[in-house]
N, C-alpha and C. Protein backbone atom coordinates (compact mmCIF):
# COMPACT_ATOMS: atom_id res chain seq x y z
N ILE A 1 100.13 -26.80 -7.56
CA ILE A 1 100.09 -25.72 -6.58
C ILE A 1 101.15 -24.69 -6.96
N VAL A 2 100.73 -23.46 -7.07
CA VAL A 2 101.63 -22.38 -7.46
C VAL A 2 101.85 -21.46 -6.25
N PRO A 3 103.11 -21.24 -5.86
CA PRO A 3 103.36 -20.35 -4.72
C PRO A 3 102.69 -19.01 -4.95
N PRO A 4 102.10 -18.39 -3.96
CA PRO A 4 102.19 -18.67 -2.53
C PRO A 4 101.14 -19.64 -2.01
N GLN A 5 100.41 -20.34 -2.89
CA GLN A 5 99.45 -21.33 -2.43
C GLN A 5 100.18 -22.49 -1.75
N VAL A 6 99.55 -23.06 -0.71
CA VAL A 6 100.13 -24.24 -0.08
C VAL A 6 99.18 -25.43 -0.16
N ALA A 7 97.91 -25.18 -0.55
CA ALA A 7 96.96 -26.29 -0.63
C ALA A 7 95.80 -25.92 -1.55
N ILE A 8 95.18 -26.95 -2.11
CA ILE A 8 93.98 -26.78 -2.92
C ILE A 8 92.98 -27.82 -2.46
N LEU A 9 91.77 -27.36 -2.13
CA LEU A 9 90.68 -28.26 -1.75
C LEU A 9 89.73 -28.34 -2.94
N GLY A 10 89.62 -29.55 -3.49
CA GLY A 10 88.73 -29.76 -4.63
C GLY A 10 87.46 -30.46 -4.18
N ALA A 11 86.34 -30.05 -4.77
CA ALA A 11 85.05 -30.66 -4.45
C ALA A 11 84.43 -31.19 -5.73
N GLY A 12 83.92 -32.41 -5.66
CA GLY A 12 83.25 -33.01 -6.79
C GLY A 12 81.78 -32.62 -6.82
N ARG A 13 80.99 -33.42 -7.49
CA ARG A 13 79.57 -33.15 -7.61
C ARG A 13 78.81 -33.92 -6.54
N ILE A 14 77.85 -33.26 -5.91
CA ILE A 14 77.01 -33.92 -4.91
C ILE A 14 76.14 -34.95 -5.61
N ASP A 15 76.11 -36.16 -5.02
CA ASP A 15 75.36 -37.26 -5.61
C ASP A 15 74.71 -38.06 -4.50
N ARG A 16 73.57 -38.67 -4.77
CA ARG A 16 72.92 -39.54 -3.78
C ARG A 16 73.50 -40.94 -3.89
N ARG A 17 73.92 -41.49 -2.74
CA ARG A 17 74.47 -42.85 -2.70
C ARG A 17 73.88 -43.59 -1.51
N VAL A 18 73.77 -44.89 -1.65
CA VAL A 18 73.28 -45.73 -0.56
C VAL A 18 74.47 -46.06 0.34
N VAL A 19 74.34 -45.78 1.63
CA VAL A 19 75.41 -46.04 2.60
C VAL A 19 74.85 -46.76 3.81
N ALA A 20 75.71 -47.49 4.50
CA ALA A 20 75.31 -48.19 5.72
C ALA A 20 75.35 -47.20 6.89
N VAL A 21 74.26 -47.13 7.64
CA VAL A 21 74.19 -46.24 8.80
C VAL A 21 74.79 -46.94 10.01
N ASP A 22 74.53 -48.22 10.15
CA ASP A 22 75.04 -49.01 11.27
C ASP A 22 75.75 -50.22 10.69
N ALA A 23 77.05 -50.35 10.99
CA ALA A 23 77.84 -51.44 10.41
C ALA A 23 77.51 -52.79 11.04
N ALA A 24 76.79 -52.81 12.15
CA ALA A 24 76.44 -54.07 12.82
C ALA A 24 75.48 -54.87 11.94
N PRO A 25 75.42 -56.19 12.14
CA PRO A 25 74.48 -57.01 11.37
C PRO A 25 73.05 -56.47 11.54
N GLY A 26 72.33 -56.39 10.44
CA GLY A 26 70.98 -55.86 10.48
C GLY A 26 70.94 -54.34 10.44
N GLY A 27 72.07 -53.71 10.16
CA GLY A 27 72.14 -52.25 10.10
C GLY A 27 71.34 -51.71 8.93
N ALA A 28 70.96 -50.47 9.03
CA ALA A 28 70.11 -49.86 8.01
C ALA A 28 70.95 -49.32 6.85
N MET A 29 70.39 -49.39 5.66
CA MET A 29 70.98 -48.80 4.47
C MET A 29 70.08 -47.62 4.08
N VAL A 30 70.68 -46.45 3.93
CA VAL A 30 69.91 -45.26 3.58
C VAL A 30 70.60 -44.49 2.45
N ALA A 31 69.83 -43.72 1.72
CA ALA A 31 70.38 -42.86 0.67
C ALA A 31 70.80 -41.54 1.30
N ARG A 32 72.03 -41.13 1.03
CA ARG A 32 72.57 -39.88 1.57
C ARG A 32 73.21 -39.08 0.45
N ARG A 33 73.22 -37.76 0.63
CA ARG A 33 73.96 -36.92 -0.32
C ARG A 33 75.44 -37.01 0.04
N MET A 34 76.28 -37.29 -0.96
CA MET A 34 77.71 -37.44 -0.75
C MET A 34 78.45 -36.43 -1.62
N LEU A 35 79.49 -35.82 -1.06
CA LEU A 35 80.31 -34.85 -1.77
C LEU A 35 81.76 -35.33 -1.74
N PRO A 36 82.30 -35.76 -2.87
CA PRO A 36 83.71 -36.18 -2.88
C PRO A 36 84.63 -34.97 -2.69
N LEU A 37 85.59 -35.08 -1.79
CA LEU A 37 86.57 -34.02 -1.54
C LEU A 37 87.97 -34.53 -1.82
N SER A 38 88.83 -33.65 -2.30
CA SER A 38 90.22 -33.99 -2.56
C SER A 38 91.09 -32.84 -2.06
N LEU A 39 92.11 -33.16 -1.29
CA LEU A 39 93.01 -32.13 -0.77
C LEU A 39 94.42 -32.41 -1.29
N THR A 40 94.97 -31.43 -1.98
CA THR A 40 96.35 -31.49 -2.46
C THR A 40 97.12 -30.41 -1.72
N PHE A 41 98.31 -30.76 -1.21
CA PHE A 41 99.06 -29.75 -0.46
C PHE A 41 100.55 -29.94 -0.65
N ASP A 42 101.27 -28.87 -0.38
CA ASP A 42 102.73 -28.86 -0.49
C ASP A 42 103.32 -29.41 0.80
N HIS A 43 103.95 -30.55 0.72
CA HIS A 43 104.51 -31.20 1.91
C HIS A 43 105.65 -30.40 2.54
N ARG A 44 106.19 -29.46 1.81
CA ARG A 44 107.25 -28.62 2.38
C ARG A 44 106.68 -27.58 3.33
N ALA A 45 105.40 -27.22 3.15
CA ALA A 45 104.78 -26.18 3.98
C ALA A 45 103.78 -26.73 4.99
N VAL A 46 103.20 -27.89 4.71
CA VAL A 46 102.14 -28.45 5.55
C VAL A 46 102.45 -29.92 5.81
N THR A 47 102.29 -30.34 7.06
CA THR A 47 102.48 -31.76 7.38
C THR A 47 101.20 -32.53 7.07
N GLY A 48 101.33 -33.83 6.97
CA GLY A 48 100.15 -34.66 6.73
C GLY A 48 99.13 -34.55 7.85
N GLY A 49 99.59 -34.42 9.09
CA GLY A 49 98.69 -34.27 10.23
C GLY A 49 97.89 -32.98 10.16
N GLU A 50 98.54 -31.89 9.80
CA GLU A 50 97.84 -30.61 9.66
C GLU A 50 96.80 -30.67 8.55
N ALA A 51 97.17 -31.30 7.44
CA ALA A 51 96.23 -31.43 6.32
C ALA A 51 95.03 -32.29 6.71
N ALA A 52 95.28 -33.37 7.45
CA ALA A 52 94.18 -34.24 7.89
C ALA A 52 93.25 -33.51 8.85
N ARG A 53 93.81 -32.71 9.77
CA ARG A 53 92.98 -31.94 10.69
C ARG A 53 92.16 -30.89 9.95
N PHE A 54 92.76 -30.24 8.95
CA PHE A 54 92.02 -29.27 8.16
C PHE A 54 90.87 -29.94 7.42
N LEU A 55 91.14 -31.08 6.78
CA LEU A 55 90.09 -31.78 6.04
C LEU A 55 88.98 -32.25 6.97
N ALA A 56 89.33 -32.75 8.16
CA ALA A 56 88.32 -33.17 9.14
C ALA A 56 87.46 -31.99 9.58
N ALA A 57 88.08 -30.81 9.78
CA ALA A 57 87.33 -29.62 10.18
C ALA A 57 86.40 -29.17 9.05
N ALA A 58 86.88 -29.23 7.81
CA ALA A 58 86.04 -28.85 6.67
C ALA A 58 84.84 -29.79 6.55
N ILE A 59 85.07 -31.09 6.73
CA ILE A 59 83.99 -32.07 6.67
C ILE A 59 82.98 -31.82 7.79
N ALA A 60 83.47 -31.54 9.00
CA ALA A 60 82.57 -31.28 10.13
C ALA A 60 81.69 -30.06 9.85
N ASP A 61 82.28 -29.00 9.29
CA ASP A 61 81.51 -27.80 8.96
C ASP A 61 80.47 -28.10 7.89
N LEU A 62 80.83 -28.88 6.88
CA LEU A 62 79.88 -29.22 5.82
C LEU A 62 78.74 -30.08 6.36
N GLU A 63 79.04 -30.97 7.29
CA GLU A 63 78.00 -31.83 7.87
C GLU A 63 77.03 -31.01 8.71
N LYS A 64 77.50 -29.95 9.36
CA LYS A 64 76.62 -29.09 10.15
C LYS A 64 75.66 -28.32 9.26
N ALA A 65 76.08 -28.02 8.05
CA ALA A 65 75.26 -27.23 7.13
C ALA A 65 74.08 -28.02 6.58
N ASP A 66 74.07 -29.32 6.75
CA ASP A 66 73.02 -30.17 6.21
C ASP A 66 71.82 -30.05 7.04
């Protein structure tokens, strides 16, 4: 991270993966598109809580776009 940047959000390649929809016994397994995300941030400028809230908001927005 180079100032004045305080964070970098990296996105991997979208891939289809089999995931459990319901963790209970007998739950369904379905193929879903998955996008790996990585967030790097400067701890001097951003707290871990702020970074986690930002990443959760980004994920929520991406899920709405589907």
